[in-house]
Amino acid sequence: DATRGRTTVLVTHRLRGLEQVDEIVVLEGGRVTQ
């Protein structure tokens, strides 16, 4: 809520609430897989 409308890069293990973000990037072994 506090970061809404601003450019933010979030690293997290928790997926709850991520339906609110613009894009999700999955990293595995140093590479983007999804």
All heavy atoms as atom14 arrays in JSON, in Angstrom:
{
  "sequence": "DATRGRTTVLVTHRLRGLEQVDEIVVLEGGRVTQ",
  "atom14_mask": [
    [1, 1, 1, 1, 1, 1, 1, 1, 0, 0, 0, 0, 0, 0],
    [1, 1, 1, 1, 1, 0, 0, 0, 0, 0, 0, 0, 0, 0],
    [1, 1, 1, 1, 1, 1, 1, 0, 0, 0, 0, 0, 0, 0],
    [1, 1, 1, 1, 1, 1, 1, 1, 1, 1, 1, 0, 0, 0],
    [1, 1, 1, 1, 0, 0, 0, 0, 0, 0, 0, 0, 0, 0],
    [1, 1, 1, 1, 1, 1, 1, 1, 1, 1, 1, 0, 0, 0],
    [1, 1, 1, 1, 1, 1, 1, 0, 0, 0, 0, 0, 0, 0],
    [1, 1, 1, 1, 1, 1, 1, 0, 0, 0, 0, 0, 0, 0],
    [1, 1, 1, 1, 1, 1, 1, 0, 0, 0, 0, 0, 0, 0],
    [1, 1, 1, 1, 1, 1, 1, 1, 0, 0, 0, 0, 0, 0],
    [1, 1, 1, 1, 1, 1, 1, 0, 0, 0, 0, 0, 0, 0],
    [1, 1, 1, 1, 1, 1, 1, 0, 0, 0, 0, 0, 0, 0],
    [1, 1, 1, 1, 1, 1, 1, 1, 1, 1, 0, 0, 0, 0],
    [1, 1, 1, 1, 1, 1, 1, 1, 1, 1, 1, 0, 0, 0],
    [1, 1, 1, 1, 1, 1, 1, 1, 0, 0, 0, 0, 0, 0],
    [1, 1, 1, 1, 1, 1, 1, 1, 1, 1, 1, 0, 0, 0],
    [1, 1, 1, 1, 0, 0, 0, 0, 0, 0, 0, 0, 0, 0],
    [1, 1, 1, 1, 1, 1, 1, 1, 0, 0, 0, 0, 0, 0],
    [1, 1, 1, 1, 1, 1, 1, 1, 1, 0, 0, 0, 0, 0],
    [1, 1, 1, 1, 1, 1, 1, 1, 1, 0, 0, 0, 0, 0],
    [1, 1, 1, 1, 1, 1, 1, 0, 0, 0, 0, 0, 0, 0],
    [1, 1, 1, 1, 1, 1, 1, 1, 0, 0, 0, 0, 0, 0],
    [1, 1, 1, 1, 1, 1, 1, 1, 1, 0, 0, 0, 0, 0],
    [1, 1, 1, 1, 1, 1, 1, 1, 0, 0, 0, 0, 0, 0],
    [1, 1, 1, 1, 1, 1, 1, 0, 0, 0, 0, 0, 0, 0],
    [1, 1, 1, 1, 1, 1, 1, 0, 0, 0, 0, 0, 0, 0],
    [1, 1, 1, 1, 1, 1, 1, 1, 0, 0, 0, 0, 0, 0],
    [1, 1, 1, 1, 1, 1, 1, 1, 1, 0, 0, 0, 0, 0],
    [1, 1, 1, 1, 0, 0, 0, 0, 0, 0, 0, 0, 0, 0],
    [1, 1, 1, 1, 0, 0, 0, 0, 0, 0, 0, 0, 0, 0],
    [1, 1, 1, 1, 1, 1, 1, 1, 1, 1, 1, 0, 0, 0],
    [1, 1, 1, 1, 1, 1, 1, 0, 0, 0, 0, 0, 0, 0],
    [1, 1, 1, 1, 1, 1, 1, 0, 0, 0, 0, 0, 0, 0],
    [1, 1, 1, 1, 1, 1, 1, 1, 1, 0, 0, 0, 0, 0]
  ],
  "atom14_positions": [
    [[0.83, -1.2, 0.0], [0.0, 0.0, 0.0], [0.87, 1.26, 0.0], [0.61, 2.21, -0.74], [-0.92, -0.01, 1.23], [-1.87, 1.18, 1.23], [-2.66, 1.32, 0.28], [-1.81, 1.99, 2.18], [0.0, 0.0, 0.0], [0.0, 0.0, 0.0], [0.0, 0.0, 0.0], [0.0, 0.0, 0.0], [0.0, 0.0, 0.0], [0.0, 0.0, 0.0]],
    [[1.94, 1.25, 0.82], [2.8, 2.43, 0.95], [3.57, 2.72, -0.33], [3.94, 3.87, -0.6], [3.77, 2.25, 2.11], [0.0, 0.0, 0.0], [0.0, 0.0, 0.0], [0.0, 0.0, 0.0], [0.0, 0.0, 0.0], [0.0, 0.0, 0.0], [0.0, 0.0, 0.0], [0.0, 0.0, 0.0], [0.0, 0.0, 0.0], [0.0, 0.0, 0.0]],
    [[3.85, 1.7, -1.13], [4.65, 1.89, -2.35], [3.8, 1.98, -3.6], [4.34, 2.03, -4.71], [5.67, 0.73, -2.5], [4.97, -0.52, -2.53], [6.66, 0.71, -1.35], [0.0, 0.0, 0.0], [0.0, 0.0, 0.0], [0.0, 0.0, 0.0], [0.0, 0.0, 0.0], [0.0, 0.0, 0.0], [0.0, 0.0, 0.0], [0.0, 0.0, 0.0]],
    [[2.49, 2.0, -3.45], [1.61, 2.08, -4.61], [1.89, 3.34, -5.42], [2.03, 4.43, -4.88], [0.15, 2.08, -4.14], [-0.86, 1.83, -5.26], [-2.28, 1.88, -4.71], [-2.45, 0.99, -3.57], [-2.68, -0.31, -3.68], [-2.74, -0.87, -4.88], [-2.84, -1.06, -2.6], [0.0, 0.0, 0.0], [0.0, 0.0, 0.0], [0.0, 0.0, 0.0]],
    [[2.03, 3.18, -6.74], [2.22, 4.33, -7.61], [3.67, 4.77, -7.75], [3.95, 5.77, -8.4], [0.0, 0.0, 0.0], [0.0, 0.0, 0.0], [0.0, 0.0, 0.0], [0.0, 0.0, 0.0], [0.0, 0.0, 0.0], [0.0, 0.0, 0.0], [0.0, 0.0, 0.0], [0.0, 0.0, 0.0], [0.0, 0.0, 0.0], [0.0, 0.0, 0.0]],
    [[4.62, 4.03, -7.15], [6.02, 4.39, -7.3], [6.8, 3.18, -7.81], [6.38, 2.04, -7.64], [6.61, 4.86, -5.97], [6.63, 3.79, -4.88], [7.34, 4.3, -3.63], [8.68, 4.74, -3.97], [9.25, 5.84, -3.46], [8.6, 6.56, -2.58], [10.46, 6.2, -3.84], [0.0, 0.0, 0.0], [0.0, 0.0, 0.0], [0.0, 0.0, 0.0]],
    [[7.93, 3.41, -8.45], [8.74, 2.32, -8.99], [9.42, 1.59, -7.84], [10.22, 2.16, -7.11], [9.79, 2.87, -9.97], [9.13, 3.58, -11.01], [10.6, 1.73, -10.58], [0.0, 0.0, 0.0], [0.0, 0.0, 0.0], [0.0, 0.0, 0.0], [0.0, 0.0, 0.0], [0.0, 0.0, 0.0], [0.0, 0.0, 0.0], [0.0, 0.0, 0.0]],
    [[9.09, 0.3, -7.7], [9.59, -0.5, -6.59], [9.99, -1.87, -7.1], [9.28, -2.48, -7.89], [8.49, -0.67, -5.51], [8.01, 0.61, -5.11], [9.03, -1.41, -4.3], [0.0, 0.0, 0.0], [0.0, 0.0, 0.0], [0.0, 0.0, 0.0], [0.0, 0.0, 0.0], [0.0, 0.0, 0.0], [0.0, 0.0, 0.0], [0.0, 0.0, 0.0]],
    [[11.16, -2.34, -6.66], [11.59, -3.7, -6.94], [11.62, -4.44, -5.61], [12.38, -4.09, -4.71], [12.98, -3.73, -7.62], [13.37, -5.19, -7.92], [12.98, -2.91, -8.9], [0.0, 0.0, 0.0], [0.0, 0.0, 0.0], [0.0, 0.0, 0.0], [0.0, 0.0, 0.0], [0.0, 0.0, 0.0], [0.0, 0.0, 0.0], [0.0, 0.0, 0.0]],
    [[10.79, -5.46, -5.5], [10.62, -6.2, -4.25], [11.14, -7.62, -4.42], [10.74, -8.32, -5.35], [9.13, -6.23, -3.88], [8.68, -7.21, -2.79], [9.25, -6.8, -1.43], [7.15, -7.27, -2.74], [0.0, 0.0, 0.0], [0.0, 0.0, 0.0], [0.0, 0.0, 0.0], [0.0, 0.0, 0.0], [0.0, 0.0, 0.0], [0.0, 0.0, 0.0]],
    [[12.02, -8.04, -3.51], [12.45, -9.44, -3.44], [11.72, -10.07, -2.27], [11.73, -9.54, -1.16], [13.97, -9.55, -3.23], [14.35, -10.96, -2.8], [14.72, -9.19, -4.51], [0.0, 0.0, 0.0], [0.0, 0.0, 0.0], [0.0, 0.0, 0.0], [0.0, 0.0, 0.0], [0.0, 0.0, 0.0], [0.0, 0.0, 0.0], [0.0, 0.0, 0.0]],
    [[11.05, -11.2, -2.5], [10.28, -11.83, -1.43], [10.11, -13.32, -1.68], [10.11, -13.76, -2.84], [8.9, -11.16, -1.29], [8.18, -11.78, -0.22], [8.09, -11.29, -2.57], [0.0, 0.0, 0.0], [0.0, 0.0, 0.0], [0.0, 0.0, 0.0], [0.0, 0.0, 0.0], [0.0, 0.0, 0.0], [0.0, 0.0, 0.0], [0.0, 0.0, 0.0]],
    [[9.99, -14.06, -0.58], [9.6, -15.46, -0.67], [8.1, -15.61, -0.49], [7.55, -16.7, -0.7], [10.3, -16.27, 0.43], [11.73, -16.59, 0.13], [12.78, -15.88, 0.67], [12.28, -17.53, -0.67], [13.92, -16.37, 0.22], [13.65, -17.38, -0.58], [0.0, 0.0, 0.0], [0.0, 0.0, 0.0], [0.0, 0.0, 0.0], [0.0, 0.0, 0.0]],
    [[7.43, -14.54, -0.09], [6.0, -14.59, 0.22], [5.22, -14.11, -1.0], [5.46, -13.02, -1.51], [5.68, -13.71, 1.42], [6.49, -14.04, 2.67], [6.18, -13.07, 3.79], [4.79, -13.19, 4.19], [4.34, -14.12, 5.02], [5.17, -15.02, 5.53], [3.08, -14.16, 5.36], [0.0, 0.0, 0.0], [0.0, 0.0, 0.0], [0.0, 0.0, 0.0]],
    [[4.27, -14.92, -1.45], [3.52, -14.58, -2.66], [2.2, -13.88, -2.36], [1.59, -13.31, -3.26], [3.26, -15.84, -3.49], [4.49, -16.67, -3.86], [4.11, -17.77, -4.84], [5.61, -15.8, -4.42], [0.0, 0.0, 0.0], [0.0, 0.0, 0.0], [0.0, 0.0, 0.0], [0.0, 0.0, 0.0], [0.0, 0.0, 0.0], [0.0, 0.0, 0.0]],
    [[1.75, -13.95, -1.11], [0.47, -13.33, -0.77], [0.53, -11.83, -1.02], [1.43, -11.13, -0.56], [0.14, -13.6, 0.69], [-1.31, -13.27, 1.05], [-1.63, -13.78, 2.44], [-3.03, -13.6, 2.75], [-3.58, -13.97, 3.89], [-2.84, -14.55, 4.83], [-4.86, -13.77, 4.12], [0.0, 0.0, 0.0], [0.0, 0.0, 0.0], [0.0, 0.0, 0.0]],
    [[-0.43, -11.32, -1.78], [-0.49, -9.9, -2.1], [0.13, -9.53, -3.43], [-0.03, -8.41, -3.9], [0.0, 0.0, 0.0], [0.0, 0.0, 0.0], [0.0, 0.0, 0.0], [0.0, 0.0, 0.0], [0.0, 0.0, 0.0], [0.0, 0.0, 0.0], [0.0, 0.0, 0.0], [0.0, 0.0, 0.0], [0.0, 0.0, 0.0], [0.0, 0.0, 0.0]],
    [[0.86, -10.47, -4.06], [1.55, -10.12, -5.3], [0.62, -9.97, -6.49], [1.06, -9.55, -7.57], [2.63, -11.17, -5.61], [3.8, -11.24, -4.62], [4.92, -12.1, -5.19], [4.32, -9.86, -4.25], [0.0, 0.0, 0.0], [0.0, 0.0, 0.0], [0.0, 0.0, 0.0], [0.0, 0.0, 0.0], [0.0, 0.0, 0.0], [0.0, 0.0, 0.0]],
    [[-0.67, -10.28, -6.3], [-1.62, -9.99, -7.37], [-1.74, -8.48, -7.6], [-2.28, -8.03, -8.62], [-3.0, -10.59, -7.07], [-3.7, -10.04, -5.84], [-3.29, -10.74, -4.56], [-2.34, -11.56, -4.59], [-3.92, -10.47, -3.53], [0.0, 0.0, 0.0], [0.0, 0.0, 0.0], [0.0, 0.0, 0.0], [0.0, 0.0, 0.0], [0.0, 0.0, 0.0]],
    [[-1.2, -7.67, -6.68], [-1.27, -6.21, -6.8], [-0.14, -5.62, -7.62], [-0.21, -4.46, -8.03], [-1.24, -5.57, -5.4], [-2.38, -5.98, -4.49], [-2.24, -5.33, -3.12], [-2.02, -4.14, -3.0], [-2.36, -6.13, -2.07], [0.0, 0.0, 0.0], [0.0, 0.0, 0.0], [0.0, 0.0, 0.0], [0.0, 0.0, 0.0], [0.0, 0.0, 0.0]],
    [[0.93, -6.39, -7.86], [2.09, -5.81, -8.53], [1.94, -5.89, -10.04], [1.13, -6.65, -10.57], [3.4, -6.49, -8.08], [3.51, -6.48, -6.56], [3.51, -7.92, -8.61], [0.0, 0.0, 0.0], [0.0, 0.0, 0.0], [0.0, 0.0, 0.0], [0.0, 0.0, 0.0], [0.0, 0.0, 0.0], [0.0, 0.0, 0.0], [0.0, 0.0, 0.0]],
    [[2.73, -5.07, -10.75], [2.62, -5.0, -12.21], [3.23, -6.2, -12.92], [2.7, -6.67, -13.92], [3.31, -3.73, -12.73], [2.64, -2.47, -12.2], [1.4, -2.37, -12.32], [3.34, -1.62, -11.65], [0.0, 0.0, 0.0], [0.0, 0.0, 0.0], [0.0, 0.0, 0.0], [0.0, 0.0, 0.0], [0.0, 0.0, 0.0], [0.0, 0.0, 0.0]],
    [[4.37, -6.67, -12.39], [5.04, -7.81, -13.04], [5.82, -8.6, -12.0], [6.4, -8.03, -11.08], [5.99, -7.35, -14.14], [6.63, -8.51, -14.9], [7.54, -8.07, -16.03], [8.12, -6.97, -15.93], [7.68, -8.84, -17.0], [0.0, 0.0, 0.0], [0.0, 0.0, 0.0], [0.0, 0.0, 0.0], [0.0, 0.0, 0.0], [0.0, 0.0, 0.0]],
    [[5.81, -9.91, -12.15], [6.57, -10.81, -11.29], [7.63, -11.49, -12.15], [7.33, -12.0, -13.24], [5.65, -11.86, -10.65], [4.6, -11.18, -9.78], [6.45, -12.87, -9.84], [3.4, -12.04, -9.46], [0.0, 0.0, 0.0], [0.0, 0.0, 0.0], [0.0, 0.0, 0.0], [0.0, 0.0, 0.0], [0.0, 0.0, 0.0], [0.0, 0.0, 0.0]],
    [[8.86, -11.51, -11.65], [9.97, -12.16, -12.36], [10.47, -13.3, -11.47], [10.8, -13.09, -10.31], [11.11, -11.17, -12.64], [12.28, -11.89, -13.31], [10.62, -10.02, -13.51], [0.0, 0.0, 0.0], [0.0, 0.0, 0.0], [0.0, 0.0, 0.0], [0.0, 0.0, 0.0], [0.0, 0.0, 0.0], [0.0, 0.0, 0.0], [0.0, 0.0, 0.0]],
    [[10.5, -14.5, -12.02], [11.0, -15.67, -11.29], [12.44, -15.93, -11.69], [12.75, -16.08, -12.88], [10.13, -16.92, -11.59], [10.7, -18.13, -10.84], [8.68, -16.69, -11.2], [0.0, 0.0, 0.0], [0.0, 0.0, 0.0], [0.0, 0.0, 0.0], [0.0, 0.0, 0.0], [0.0, 0.0, 0.0], [0.0, 0.0, 0.0], [0.0, 0.0, 0.0]],
    [[13.32, -15.97, -10.68], [14.72, -16.3, -10.91], [15.01, -17.69, -10.38], [14.64, -18.03, -9.26], [15.64, -15.31, -10.18], [15.8, -13.91, -10.75], [16.75, -13.1, -9.86], [16.32, -13.93, -12.17], [0.0, 0.0, 0.0], [0.0, 0.0, 0.0], [0.0, 0.0, 0.0], [0.0, 0.0, 0.0], [0.0, 0.0, 0.0], [0.0, 0.0, 0.0]],
    [[15.69, -18.5, -11.18], [16.15, -19.82, -10.76], [17.55, -20.02, -11.33], [17.75, -19.89, -12.54], [15.21, -20.92, -11.26], [13.81, -20.84, -10.67], [12.9, -21.95, -11.19], [12.9, -23.03, -10.58], [12.22, -21.73, -12.21], [0.0, 0.0, 0.0], [0.0, 0.0, 0.0], [0.0, 0.0, 0.0], [0.0, 0.0, 0.0], [0.0, 0.0, 0.0]],
    [[18.5, -20.3, -10.44], [19.87, -20.51, -10.89], [20.46, -19.32, -11.61], [21.27, -19.47, -12.53], [0.0, 0.0, 0.0], [0.0, 0.0, 0.0], [0.0, 0.0, 0.0], [0.0, 0.0, 0.0], [0.0, 0.0, 0.0], [0.0, 0.0, 0.0], [0.0, 0.0, 0.0], [0.0, 0.0, 0.0], [0.0, 0.0, 0.0], [0.0, 0.0, 0.0]],
    [[20.08, -18.13, -11.18], [20.63, -16.92, -11.78], [20.0, -16.53, -13.11], [20.46, -15.58, -13.76], [0.0, 0.0, 0.0], [0.0, 0.0, 0.0], [0.0, 0.0, 0.0], [0.0, 0.0, 0.0], [0.0, 0.0, 0.0], [0.0, 0.0, 0.0], [0.0, 0.0, 0.0], [0.0, 0.0, 0.0], [0.0, 0.0, 0.0], [0.0, 0.0, 0.0]],
    [[18.95, -17.23, -13.53], [18.3, -16.94, -14.81], [16.81, -16.69, -14.62], [16.18, -17.24, -13.73], [18.5, -18.09, -15.81], [19.95, -18.32, -16.18], [20.09, -19.43, -17.22], [21.48, -19.61, -17.6], [22.11, -18.88, -18.51], [21.45, -17.91, -19.14], [23.37, -19.11, -18.79], [0.0, 0.0, 0.0], [0.0, 0.0, 0.0], [0.0, 0.0, 0.0]],
    [[16.25, -15.87, -15.49], [14.82, -15.62, -15.49], [14.13, -16.81, -16.14], [14.39, -17.14, -17.29], [14.47, -14.33, -16.26], [12.95, -14.15, -16.34], [15.1, -13.12, -15.59], [0.0, 0.0, 0.0], [0.0, 0.0, 0.0], [0.0, 0.0, 0.0], [0.0, 0.0, 0.0], [0.0, 0.0, 0.0], [0.0, 0.0, 0.0], [0.0, 0.0, 0.0]],
    [[13.26, -17.49, -15.38], [12.56, -18.65, -15.92], [11.08, -18.37, -16.18], [10.45, -19.09, -16.96], [12.68, -19.85, -14.97], [12.16, -19.5, -13.68], [14.13, -20.29, -14.84], [0.0, 0.0, 0.0], [0.0, 0.0, 0.0], [0.0, 0.0, 0.0], [0.0, 0.0, 0.0], [0.0, 0.0, 0.0], [0.0, 0.0, 0.0], [0.0, 0.0, 0.0]],
    [[10.53, -17.36, -15.51], [9.14, -16.99, -15.73], [8.99, -15.5, -15.5], [9.72, -14.92, -14.69], [8.2, -17.72, -14.75], [8.07, -19.21, -14.95], [7.09, -19.8, -13.93], [7.41, -19.91, -12.75], [5.91, -20.14, -14.39], [0.0, 0.0, 0.0], [0.0, 0.0, 0.0], [0.0, 0.0, 0.0], [0.0, 0.0, 0.0], [0.0, 0.0, 0.0]]
  ]
}
